[in-house]
Protein backbone atom coordinates (compact mmCIF):
# COMPACT_ATOMS: atom_id res chain seq x y z
CA UNK A 1 1.52 -2.76 -0.20
CA UNK A 2 4.29 -0.96 -1.46
CA UNK A 3 4.22 2.67 -1.56
CA UNK A 4 5.82 0.60 -2.89
CA UNK A 5 -2.17 -0.31 1.71
CA UNK A 6 -7.04 -0.70 9.48
CA UNK A 7 -9.30 0.78 10.94
CA UNK A 8 -8.97 4.61 9.95
CA UNK A 9 -10.62 7.29 11.95
CA UNK A 10 -11.17 10.63 10.11
CA UNK A 11 -10.09 12.93 12.75
CA UNK A 12 -10.21 16.45 10.97
CA UNK A 13 -12.37 18.11 8.33
CA UNK A 14 -11.63 21.68 7.56
CA UNK A 15 -14.54 23.45 5.83
CA UNK A 16 -13.45 26.89 6.15
CA UNK A 17 -16.14 28.61 4.29
CA UNK A 18 -19.37 29.71 6.33
CA UNK A 19 -22.46 27.59 5.74
CA UNK A 20 -20.43 25.15 3.26
CA UNK A 21 -22.12 22.31 5.31
CA UNK A 22 -25.39 22.84 3.76
CA UNK A 23 -24.81 23.47 0.34
CA UNK A 24 -21.62 20.97 -0.25
CA UNK A 25 -23.76 17.91 0.26
CA UNK A 26 -25.98 18.49 -2.96
CA UNK A 27 -23.92 19.15 -6.45
CA UNK A 28 -25.31 21.82 -8.59
CA UNK A 29 -26.03 21.10 -12.23
CA UNK A 30 -23.20 23.34 -13.54
CA UNK A 31 -20.22 21.60 -15.35
CA UNK A 32 -21.37 18.10 -14.47
CA UNK A 33 -19.64 16.57 -17.36
CA UNK A 34 -16.17 18.53 -16.38
CA UNK A 35 -13.72 16.07 -14.98
CA UNK A 36 -12.52 16.42 -11.61
CA UNK A 37 -8.56 16.54 -11.72
CA UNK A 38 -6.86 14.65 -8.92
CA UNK A 39 -3.18 14.85 -8.61
CA UNK A 40 -0.68 12.44 -7.11
CA UNK A 41 2.99 11.17 -7.10
CA UNK A 42 1.77 7.35 -6.79
CA UNK A 43 2.54 6.23 -10.31
CA UNK A 44 1.21 3.20 -11.90
CA UNK A 45 3.65 0.44 -12.30
CA UNK A 46 1.39 -1.63 -14.13
CA UNK A 47 -2.53 -1.65 -15.55
CA UNK A 48 -2.44 -5.45 -15.57
CA UNK A 49 -3.28 -6.53 -11.71
CA UNK A 50 -0.97 -9.57 -11.97
CA UNK A 51 2.12 -7.41 -12.23
CA UNK A 52 1.43 -4.71 -9.73
CA UNK A 53 1.64 -4.45 -6.13
CA UNK A 54 2.02 -0.79 -5.17
CA UNK A 55 -0.19 1.92 -4.11
CA UNK A 56 -0.35 4.06 -7.06
CA UNK A 57 -1.50 0.83 -9.28
CA UNK A 58 -3.83 -0.47 -6.81
CA UNK A 59 -5.63 2.99 -6.21
CA UNK A 60 -6.61 3.12 -9.74
CA UNK A 61 -7.53 -0.98 -9.84
CA UNK A 62 -10.13 -0.09 -7.10
CA UNK A 63 -12.07 1.93 -9.61
CA UNK A 64 -11.64 0.23 -12.93
CA UNK A 65 -11.67 -3.58 -11.75
CA UNK A 66 -14.09 -5.17 -9.43
CA UNK A 67 -12.91 -8.01 -6.92
CA UNK A 68 -15.41 -10.53 -5.25
CA UNK A 69 -15.44 -8.37 -1.96
CA UNK A 70 -14.49 -4.78 -1.14
CA UNK A 71 -14.30 -2.57 2.26
CA UNK A 72 -16.68 0.27 2.91
CA UNK A 73 -14.87 3.48 4.20
CA UNK A 74 -13.25 2.73 7.81
CA UNK A 75 -14.57 -0.53 8.00
CA UNK A 76 -12.41 -3.87 8.83
CA UNK A 77 -14.88 -6.15 7.48
CA UNK A 78 -15.10 -7.05 3.53
CA UNK A 79 -18.52 -6.67 2.02
CA UNK A 80 -19.76 -8.44 -1.60
CA UNK A 81 -18.90 -6.69 -4.51
CA UNK A 82 -18.92 -8.70 -7.64
CA UNK A 83 -20.09 -11.52 -5.28
CA UNK A 84 -23.72 -11.67 -3.90
CA UNK A 85 -22.16 -13.83 -1.10
CA UNK A 86 -19.18 -15.34 0.27
CA UNK A 87 -18.36 -17.58 3.37
CA UNK A 88 -16.16 -20.30 4.72
CA UNK A 89 -18.12 -23.80 4.22
CA UNK A 90 -15.92 -25.51 6.87
CA UNK A 91 -14.92 -24.97 10.51
CA UNK A 92 -11.32 -25.45 9.64
CA UNK A 93 -11.37 -22.08 7.30
CA UNK A 94 -9.73 -24.04 4.47
CA UNK A 95 -12.53 -23.79 1.88
CA UNK A 96 -14.23 -20.59 0.96
CA UNK A 97 -16.81 -20.41 -1.47
CA UNK A 98 -18.60 -17.14 -3.30
CA UNK A 99 -21.61 -16.86 -5.59
CA UNK A 100 -21.26 -14.13 -8.07
CA UNK A 101 -24.08 -11.66 -8.69
CA UNK A 102 -26.61 -12.30 -11.54
CA UNK A 103 -25.68 -11.05 -14.98
CA UNK A 104 -22.52 -9.21 -14.29
CA UNK A 105 -20.72 -7.88 -17.32
CA UNK A 106 -17.28 -6.28 -18.13
CA UNK A 107 -17.43 -2.75 -19.44
CA UNK A 108 -16.81 -4.13 -22.99
CA UNK A 109 -19.98 -6.18 -22.80
CA UNK A 110 -18.84 -9.69 -22.01
CA UNK A 111 -20.35 -11.75 -19.42
CA UNK A 112 -18.68 -12.31 -16.18
CA UNK A 113 -18.72 -15.72 -14.61
CA UNK A 114 -16.69 -18.01 -12.01
CA UNK A 115 -14.28 -18.83 -14.72
CA UNK A 116 -13.01 -14.98 -15.17
CA UNK A 117 -12.62 -15.14 -11.40
CA UNK A 118 -10.71 -18.36 -11.43
CA UNK A 119 -8.55 -17.31 -14.39
CA UNK A 120 -7.70 -13.82 -12.98
CA UNK A 121 -6.18 -15.66 -9.64
CA UNK A 122 -4.73 -18.35 -11.35
CA UNK A 123 -2.67 -16.11 -13.61
CA UNK A 124 -1.29 -14.09 -10.72
CA UNK A 125 0.08 -17.24 -9.35
CA UNK A 126 1.30 -18.69 -12.94
CA UNK A 127 3.03 -15.36 -14.02
CA UNK A 128 4.84 -14.80 -10.73
CA UNK A 129 5.63 -11.38 -11.12
CA UNK A 130 8.63 -10.06 -9.17
CA UNK A 131 6.55 -7.12 -8.28
CA UNK A 132 2.90 -8.71 -8.38
CA UNK A 133 0.92 -9.35 -5.73
CA UNK A 134 1.50 -13.42 -5.49
CA UNK A 135 2.86 -13.13 -1.91
CA UNK A 136 -0.51 -12.59 -0.58
CA UNK A 137 -1.81 -15.84 -1.60
CA UNK A 138 0.62 -17.87 0.04
CA UNK A 139 -2.04 -20.06 1.75
CA UNK A 140 -4.14 -20.75 -1.39
CA UNK A 141 -3.96 -24.27 -3.17
CA UNK A 142 -6.40 -23.99 -5.82
CA UNK A 143 -9.55 -22.38 -7.25
CA UNK A 144 -12.58 -24.11 -8.97
CA UNK A 145 -15.41 -22.51 -10.76
CA UNK A 146 -18.81 -23.76 -11.70
CA UNK A 147 -21.20 -21.20 -13.31
CA UNK A 148 -21.46 -18.21 -10.82
CA UNK A 149 -19.83 -20.41 -7.94
CA UNK A 150 -16.13 -19.72 -7.36
CA UNK A 151 -14.72 -22.19 -4.44
CA UNK A 152 -11.06 -21.41 -2.82
CA UNK A 153 -8.95 -24.58 -1.70
CA UNK A 154 -6.38 -23.31 1.06
CA UNK A 155 -3.67 -25.45 2.04
CA UNK A 156 -4.04 -24.21 5.88
CA UNK A 157 -6.50 -22.30 7.93
CA UNK A 158 -6.55 -18.51 7.01
CA UNK A 159 -9.23 -16.33 8.50
CA UNK A 160 -7.64 -13.48 6.60
CA UNK A 161 -8.30 -14.84 3.15
CA UNK A 162 -11.52 -12.96 2.71
CA UNK A 163 -9.39 -9.56 3.26
CA UNK A 164 -6.83 -10.77 0.47
CA UNK A 165 -9.39 -11.05 -2.17
CA UNK A 166 -10.98 -7.86 -1.24
CA UNK A 167 -7.70 -6.13 -2.20
CA UNK A 168 -6.37 -5.22 -5.87
CA UNK A 169 -4.90 -8.81 -5.69
CA UNK A 170 -8.33 -9.99 -6.29
CA UNK A 171 -9.18 -7.74 -9.40
CA UNK A 172 -11.36 -9.71 -11.86
CA UNK A 173 -10.30 -9.47 -15.56
CA UNK A 174 -12.04 -10.66 -18.77
CA UNK A 175 -10.16 -14.12 -19.45
CA UNK A 176 -10.46 -13.31 -23.29
CA UNK A 177 -8.55 -10.05 -23.17
CA UNK A 178 -5.48 -11.17 -20.73
CA UNK A 179 -2.57 -13.74 -21.65
CA UNK A 180 -2.61 -16.62 -19.25
CA UNK A 181 1.13 -16.76 -18.71
CA UNK A 182 2.17 -13.22 -19.20
CA UNK A 183 1.27 -9.96 -18.33
CA UNK A 184 -0.90 -7.77 -20.46
CA UNK A 185 1.48 -5.31 -22.81
CA UNK A 186 -1.20 -2.73 -23.84
CA UNK A 187 -2.25 0.56 -21.93
CA UNK A 188 -5.93 -0.85 -21.81
CA UNK A 189 -8.30 -2.10 -19.08
CA UNK A 190 -11.09 -4.52 -19.39
CA UNK A 191 -12.79 -4.69 -15.90
CA UNK A 192 -16.01 -4.30 -14.29
CA UNK A 193 -15.33 -1.58 -11.95
CA UNK A 194 -17.48 1.77 -11.30
CA UNK A 195 -15.00 3.55 -13.74
CA UNK A 196 -13.96 2.80 -17.28
CA UNK A 197 -10.46 4.00 -18.25
CA UNK A 198 -10.99 5.94 -21.18
CA UNK A 199 -7.28 7.18 -21.78
CA UNK A 200 -3.78 6.59 -20.27
CA UNK A 201 -0.39 8.06 -20.63
CA UNK A 202 2.12 6.03 -18.33
CA UNK A 203 3.58 8.23 -15.84
CA UNK A 204 1.59 11.41 -16.73
CA UNK A 205 -2.58 11.03 -17.00
CA UNK A 206 -5.33 8.99 -16.90
CA UNK A 207 -9.00 9.77 -18.02
CA UNK A 208 -12.04 7.86 -16.38
CA UNK A 209 -15.48 7.93 -17.10
CA UNK A 210 -18.35 6.06 -14.81
CA UNK A 211 -19.08 2.59 -16.18
CA UNK A 212 -22.94 2.26 -17.08
CA UNK A 213 -22.72 -1.10 -16.57
CA UNK A 214 -21.22 -1.18 -13.09
CA UNK A 215 -23.55 -3.52 -10.62
CA UNK A 216 -21.72 -4.14 -7.18
CA UNK A 217 -21.43 -2.76 -3.74
CA UNK A 218 -21.76 1.00 -4.55
CA UNK A 219 -24.93 2.73 -5.50
CA UNK A 220 -23.78 5.71 -7.49
CA UNK A 221 -20.47 5.86 -9.85
CA UNK A 222 -19.90 9.46 -9.85
CA UNK A 223 -18.77 11.65 -12.57
CA UNK A 224 -15.65 11.69 -14.85
CA UNK A 225 -12.13 11.85 -13.32
CA UNK A 226 -8.85 12.85 -14.50
CA UNK A 227 -5.95 11.64 -12.80
CA UNK A 228 -2.66 13.62 -13.05
CA UNK A 229 0.56 11.92 -12.17
CA UNK A 230 3.65 13.65 -10.92
CA UNK A 231 7.19 12.49 -10.52
CA UNK A 232 8.20 14.79 -7.93
CA UNK A 233 6.31 16.28 -4.86
CA UNK A 234 7.34 19.62 -5.58
CA UNK A 235 5.62 19.47 -8.95
CA UNK A 236 2.41 18.18 -7.39
CA UNK A 237 2.49 21.26 -4.77
CA UNK A 238 3.20 23.49 -8.02
CA UNK A 239 0.12 22.34 -9.82
CA UNK A 240 -1.94 22.53 -6.59
CA UNK A 241 -1.02 26.26 -6.03
CA UNK A 242 -1.72 26.99 -9.50
CA UNK A 243 -5.12 25.30 -9.12
CA UNK A 244 -4.40 22.74 -11.97
CA UNK A 245 -5.68 20.12 -9.86
CA UNK A 246 -8.96 20.05 -7.84
CA UNK A 247 -7.86 17.46 -5.25
CA UNK A 248 -4.38 16.16 -4.19
CA UNK A 249 -3.48 12.87 -2.32
CA UNK A 250 -0.14 11.64 -1.78
CA UNK A 251 2.29 12.73 -1.78
CA UNK A 252 2.64 16.80 -1.02
CA UNK A 253 5.68 18.16 0.49
CA UNK A 254 6.04 17.90 4.20
CA UNK A 255 6.65 21.65 4.63
CA UNK A 256 3.47 22.50 2.55
CA UNK A 257 1.54 20.03 4.78
CA UNK A 258 3.19 21.41 7.91
CA UNK A 259 2.21 24.94 7.12
CA UNK A 260 -1.30 24.16 6.43
CA UNK A 261 -3.36 27.14 7.52
CA UNK A 262 -7.06 26.27 8.72
CA UNK A 263 -8.20 29.90 8.30
CA UNK A 264 -7.63 29.53 4.52
CA UNK A 265 -11.06 29.96 2.95
CA UNK A 266 -10.62 28.42 -0.44
CA UNK A 267 -9.44 24.82 0.31
CA UNK A 268 -10.81 21.89 2.35
CA UNK A 269 -8.46 19.79 4.31
CA UNK A 270 -9.19 16.35 5.40
CA UNK A 271 -6.67 14.58 7.80
CA UNK A 272 -7.27 10.90 8.91
CA UNK A 273 -5.29 8.74 11.33
CA UNK A 274 -3.24 6.48 8.59
CA UNK A 275 -1.32 3.14 8.86
CA UNK A 276 0.91 4.15 6.05
CA UNK A 277 4.63 3.19 7.18
CA UNK A 278 8.09 3.48 5.87
CA UNK A 279 10.79 0.60 6.65
CA UNK A 280 14.55 0.46 5.98
CA UNK A 281 14.91 -3.12 4.49
CA UNK A 282 18.10 -5.06 4.43
CA UNK A 283 19.28 -7.18 1.72
CA UNK A 284 20.44 -10.60 3.52
CA UNK A 285 21.57 -12.49 0.53
CA UNK A 286 25.06 -13.73 0.75
CA UNK A 287 27.46 -11.28 -0.86
CA UNK A 288 25.80 -8.48 0.65
CA UNK A 289 27.61 -6.87 3.87
CA UNK A 290 23.89 -6.82 5.40
CA UNK A 291 23.96 -10.44 5.35
CA UNK A 292 25.64 -10.52 8.70
CA UNK A 293 23.19 -9.85 11.46
CA UNK A 294 25.68 -7.81 13.50
CA UNK A 295 25.86 -5.26 10.62
CA UNK A 296 22.12 -4.86 10.67
CA UNK A 297 21.70 -4.72 14.50
CA UNK A 298 24.74 -1.98 14.43
CA UNK A 299 22.67 0.03 12.05
CA UNK A 300 19.54 -0.35 14.03
CA UNK A 301 21.45 0.78 17.24
CA UNK A 302 22.35 3.97 15.32
CA UNK A 303 19.60 5.49 13.53
CA UNK A 304 17.80 8.21 15.16
CA UNK A 305 14.11 8.33 14.07
CA UNK A 306 12.99 11.48 15.72
CA UNK A 307 16.00 13.41 13.86
CA UNK A 308 14.59 11.86 10.42
CA UNK A 309 11.21 12.81 11.36
CA UNK A 310 12.36 16.50 11.96
CA UNK A 311 14.95 17.03 9.49
CA UNK A 312 13.23 15.23 6.64
CA UNK A 313 9.62 15.23 7.17
CA UNK A 314 8.82 18.77 9.05
CA UNK A 315 7.41 16.54 11.91
CA UNK A 316 4.32 15.35 9.77
CA UNK A 317 5.36 11.72 10.23
CA UNK A 318 5.81 9.86 13.79
CA UNK A 319 8.61 7.63 14.65
CA UNK A 320 7.82 3.83 14.59
CA UNK A 321 9.27 1.17 16.59
CA UNK A 322 6.89 -1.72 15.69
CA UNK A 323 6.16 -3.27 12.41
CA UNK A 324 2.52 -3.14 13.08
CA UNK A 325 1.80 0.90 13.33
CA UNK A 326 0.11 2.40 16.12
CA UNK A 327 -3.75 2.20 16.22
CA UNK A 328 -3.48 -1.47 14.69
CA UNK A 329 -4.27 -4.60 16.87
CA UNK A 330 -1.02 -6.01 17.83
CA UNK A 331 0.95 -2.96 17.90
CA UNK A 332 4.36 -3.96 20.06
CA UNK A 333 7.45 -1.56 20.45
CA UNK A 334 9.80 -4.50 20.14
CA UNK A 335 12.23 -2.33 18.23
CA UNK A 336 12.16 0.57 20.99
CA UNK A 337 12.77 -2.13 23.48
CA UNK A 338 15.83 -3.44 21.71
CA UNK A 339 16.89 -0.20 20.52
CA UNK A 340 15.58 2.45 22.82
CA UNK A 341 18.05 5.48 21.87
CA UNK A 342 20.70 5.93 19.37
CA UNK A 343 23.97 4.40 20.62
CA UNK A 344 26.98 4.36 18.28
CA UNK A 345 29.10 2.80 21.09
CA UNK A 346 26.84 -0.30 21.17
CA UNK A 347 26.97 -0.45 17.04
CA UNK A 348 30.85 -0.36 17.71
CA UNK A 349 30.58 -3.26 20.15
CA UNK A 350 28.40 -5.44 17.81
CA UNK A 351 30.72 -5.11 14.87
CA UNK A 352 33.81 -5.68 16.89
CA UNK A 353 32.59 -8.82 18.66
CA UNK A 354 31.67 -9.87 15.29
CA UNK A 355 35.22 -9.29 13.83
CA UNK A 356 33.85 -6.95 11.04
CA UNK A 357 36.18 -4.17 9.66
CA UNK A 358 35.00 -0.71 9.40
CA UNK A 359 33.70 1.22 7.90
CA UNK A 360 31.11 -1.22 6.64
CA UNK A 361 30.75 -0.10 3.23
CA UNK A 362 27.04 -0.60 1.56
CA UNK A 363 24.66 0.97 -0.88
CA UNK A 364 21.27 2.80 0.51
CA UNK A 365 18.68 2.94 -2.32
CA UNK A 366 15.53 4.76 -2.50
CA UNK A 367 12.90 5.55 -5.28
CA UNK A 368 12.79 9.20 -6.91
CA UNK A 369 10.25 11.47 -5.35
CA UNK A 370 8.73 12.50 -2.11
CA UNK A 371 11.14 13.12 0.71
CA UNK A 372 13.22 9.86 -0.04
CA UNK A 373 16.29 11.78 -0.88
CA UNK A 374 16.78 13.94 2.33
CA UNK A 375 15.77 11.02 4.47
CA UNK A 376 18.34 8.83 2.72
CA UNK A 377 20.80 11.78 3.37
CA UNK A 378 19.93 12.04 6.72
CA UNK A 379 20.67 8.23 7.22
CA UNK A 380 23.96 8.59 5.47
CA UNK A 381 24.82 11.42 7.89
CA UNK A 382 23.50 9.25 11.23
CA UNK A 383 25.70 6.59 10.04
CA UNK A 384 28.77 7.77 8.63
CA UNK A 385 29.12 10.37 11.47
CA UNK A 386 30.12 7.31 13.58
CA UNK A 387 32.87 6.27 11.69
CA UNK A 388 31.50 2.89 11.19
CA UNK A 389 29.97 3.07 7.72
CA UNK A 390 30.32 4.36 4.63
CA UNK A 391 27.12 4.67 2.63
CA UNK A 392 26.69 5.12 -1.34
CA UNK A 393 23.28 6.33 -2.02
CA UNK A 394 21.26 5.08 -5.15
CA UNK A 395 18.36 6.79 -6.73
CA UNK A 396 16.22 5.17 -9.23
CA UNK A 397 13.00 5.71 -10.98
CA UNK A 398 9.98 3.83 -9.18
CA UNK A 399 10.13 0.74 -11.67
CA UNK A 400 13.87 0.56 -11.94
CA UNK A 401 13.92 0.66 -8.12
CA UNK A 402 11.43 -2.02 -7.88
CA UNK A 403 13.51 -4.22 -10.41
CA UNK A 404 16.54 -3.18 -8.58
CA UNK A 405 15.79 -4.38 -5.03
CA UNK A 406 13.97 -7.56 -6.33
CA UNK A 407 16.80 -8.63 -7.98
CA UNK A 408 19.29 -7.79 -4.73
CA UNK A 409 20.98 -4.99 -6.48
CA UNK A 410 21.23 -2.94 -3.25
CA UNK A 411 22.42 -3.56 0.13
CA UNK A 412 19.50 -1.64 2.08
CA UNK A 413 16.62 0.41 0.62
CA UNK A 414 13.92 2.41 2.04
CA UNK A 415 10.22 1.41 0.80
CA UNK A 416 7.00 2.76 2.02
CA UNK A 417 3.96 0.51 2.83
CA UNK A 418 0.37 1.20 2.62
CA UNK A 419 -1.98 -1.56 3.96
CA UNK A 420 -3.54 -3.69 1.77
CA UNK A 421 -6.44 -4.69 4.17
CA UNK A 422 -7.29 -3.96 7.78
CA UNK A 423 -5.46 -6.66 9.53
CA UNK A 424 -1.97 -6.77 11.56
CA UNK A 425 -1.26 -9.95 9.21
CA UNK A 426 -0.78 -7.11 6.09
CA UNK A 427 2.39 -5.95 8.14
CA UNK A 428 3.80 -8.99 8.89
CA UNK A 429 3.42 -11.93 6.14
CA UNK A 430 4.22 -9.91 3.12
CA UNK A 431 7.38 -8.18 4.56
CA UNK A 432 9.10 -10.68 6.56
CA UNK A 433 7.31 -13.94 5.68
CA UNK A 434 7.99 -16.33 2.68
CA UNK A 435 8.43 -15.04 -0.50
CA UNK A 436 8.37 -11.41 0.91
CA UNK A 437 7.12 -8.65 -1.20
CA UNK A 438 10.24 -6.58 -0.33
CA UNK A 439 12.64 -9.32 -1.70
CA UNK A 440 15.05 -8.98 1.33
CA UNK A 441 16.12 -12.61 1.02
CA UNK A 442 15.14 -13.14 4.69
CA UNK A 443 13.85 -16.72 5.38
CA UNK A 444 12.77 -17.88 8.93
CA UNK A 445 11.13 -21.21 9.35
CA UNK A 446 10.25 -19.93 12.88
CA UNK A 447 8.68 -16.69 11.47
CA UNK A 448 6.60 -18.71 8.69
CA UNK A 449 5.29 -20.90 11.59
CA UNK A 450 4.27 -18.10 13.92
CA UNK A 451 2.53 -16.22 10.85
CA UNK A 452 0.66 -19.66 10.09
CA UNK A 453 -0.37 -19.52 13.67
CA UNK A 454 -2.05 -16.20 13.55
CA UNK A 455 -4.06 -16.86 10.36
CA UNK A 456 -6.10 -19.43 12.01
CA UNK A 457 -8.21 -17.22 14.31
CA UNK A 458 -11.33 -15.56 13.09
CA UNK A 459 -10.91 -13.67 16.67
CA UNK A 460 -8.06 -11.65 15.61
CA UNK A 461 -7.34 -10.62 19.14
CA UNK A 462 -6.28 -14.21 19.97
CA UNK A 463 -3.57 -14.06 17.80
CA UNK A 464 -2.06 -10.96 19.78
CA UNK A 465 0.73 -13.20 21.54
CA UNK A 466 1.98 -14.71 18.29
CA UNK A 467 2.12 -11.26 16.60
CA UNK A 468 4.35 -9.87 19.81
CA UNK A 469 6.78 -13.01 19.08
CA UNK A 470 6.69 -12.45 15.64
CA UNK A 471 7.90 -8.85 16.27
CA UNK A 472 10.50 -9.37 19.19
CA UNK A 473 12.03 -12.07 16.53
CA UNK A 474 12.06 -9.30 13.73
CA UNK A 475 13.74 -7.14 16.43
CA UNK A 476 16.50 -9.65 16.88
CA UNK A 477 17.03 -10.74 13.40
CA UNK A 478 16.63 -7.34 11.83
CA UNK A 479 15.39 -7.97 8.15
CA UNK A 480 13.53 -4.70 8.09
CA UNK A 481 13.89 -1.64 10.38
CA UNK A 482 10.65 0.62 11.15
CA UNK A 483 11.44 4.06 10.70
CA UNK A 484 7.80 6.03 10.81
CA UNK A 485 4.11 6.11 10.29
CA UNK A 486 2.42 8.93 8.99
CA UNK A 487 -1.32 10.27 8.86
CA UNK A 488 -3.26 10.66 5.57
CA UNK A 489 -4.09 13.94 3.95
CA UNK A 490 -6.38 14.78 1.05
CA UNK A 491 -6.59 18.67 0.20
CA UNK A 492 -9.54 19.82 -2.15
CA UNK A 493 -10.98 22.90 -3.44
CA UNK A 494 -14.00 24.14 -2.00
CA UNK A 495 -15.71 23.41 -5.49
CA UNK A 496 -15.49 19.80 -4.85
CA UNK A 497 -17.53 17.80 -2.33
CA UNK A 498 -16.71 14.35 -1.08
CA UNK A 499 -13.22 14.74 -0.89
CA UNK A 500 -13.63 13.41 2.50
CA UNK A 501 -14.43 10.06 1.38
CA UNK A 502 -11.86 9.62 -1.09
CA UNK A 503 -9.45 8.13 1.26
CA UNK A 504 -9.57 6.49 4.85
CA UNK A 505 -5.72 6.01 4.70
CA UNK A 506 -5.96 2.29 3.28
CA UNK A 507 -4.57 2.87 -0.29
CA UNK A 508 -8.22 2.66 -1.71
CA UNK A 509 -9.40 5.42 -3.68
CA UNK A 510 -12.94 6.08 -3.92
CA UNK A 511 -13.39 8.39 -6.70
CA UNK A 512 -17.02 7.86 -7.03
CA UNK A 513 -17.54 9.95 -3.97
CA UNK A 514 -16.07 13.36 -5.84
CA UNK A 515 -18.49 15.48 -7.31
CA UNK A 516 -18.88 19.27 -8.00
CA UNK A 517 -20.19 21.48 -5.52
């Protein structure tokens, strides 16, 4: 998912106070009604599930909405949440049926039925928001509802479909509170998740309280939580240092992460192998200089990932040469094979052979916040130092940035991606498949056929060859260029327990795991 969302292994938990393991497990009675404040730079683009496909929005959705299925921490297999059970009804993997739990209600007291599930999915497809999750449902043909039974009919085999409805795209809304053909415009939520959104100020704060009517996969809903949203990583860092937030997740400045001292006695540091990646996306529509594959290949021949890692990210990320990150099935370094090291001479040859006049002038856009600006500066320096390119950097607020690249306003743009679900398909289909969530304009019948072939296997290892072919094709066509992947960090004060369970690197926030010591 855009950051603009798997198998995650918690590799380090630093509990630097002697004996903390014994007493951290059981919260005391003090201040149980005081909200724990979680700070992040991942802002919410919409409270309506039909209008958001980004990390900040989905982190919130997983707490205030239910989906039919959900993921337990570090699990690759979804489990029932709003559903009592779900399964394919045929060997062709084209009919998927779920039975809802009995007596489910939304937080507003309205009963939930299969019609609400059907309505929720149908409106995602009907509204077709440019920044919505519709691309995930490319194989869905229709939805039927009968009482508590929901049946999904697919146009082709799709073993990944259960994973997709376990994400924010499958959030179930109250059909009486959400318009069928447009996004809900107010700052309210009517869901059935473990939390109720009591107050919300866009780009600033959210206040959540436990939902006493919740009935689903988790047994306890935790205590109240305040979410503080920050525009800049430096602002989040300042709030953390001033102890204005109790927990932080995404994105502290790289220098702060790199300088963490495991000997500090007042913080808890949780580090997990993550699958968050970042790509340089090319607008291949007619009229953009990136429409010519020779230009895209020339850029790929120049980019120096290790230098980006050290200069913009203080070595807190790792160079990535694959669409699918390390640690995920079917990782393949196709881009290293094609472009093993920065080679300006090869870039010049590619442009000359294509008859392209230099310097090639283009815009490079990024969203405000994080290390996007120094990253863009480094990319510009690398490209312009060859004399082959002239780069104009464009910086936009997140929502304006989304609208801009969706409309084709930029020639190239950098976008982070947090996996939606634990499968290599999520790094391929939404990024380079038909109706890409990145809106690059890239279309390939060959790629779409390969994607379809990967989705037919319940045994995901059997799709490895097709995923390799997909990545080799992407390295040849260069609709996007992978730059890096990073680990996931959650910091908390020693007064908070459960921070090690807040995130497993998939973009899901388990706020109900947080409690006071």
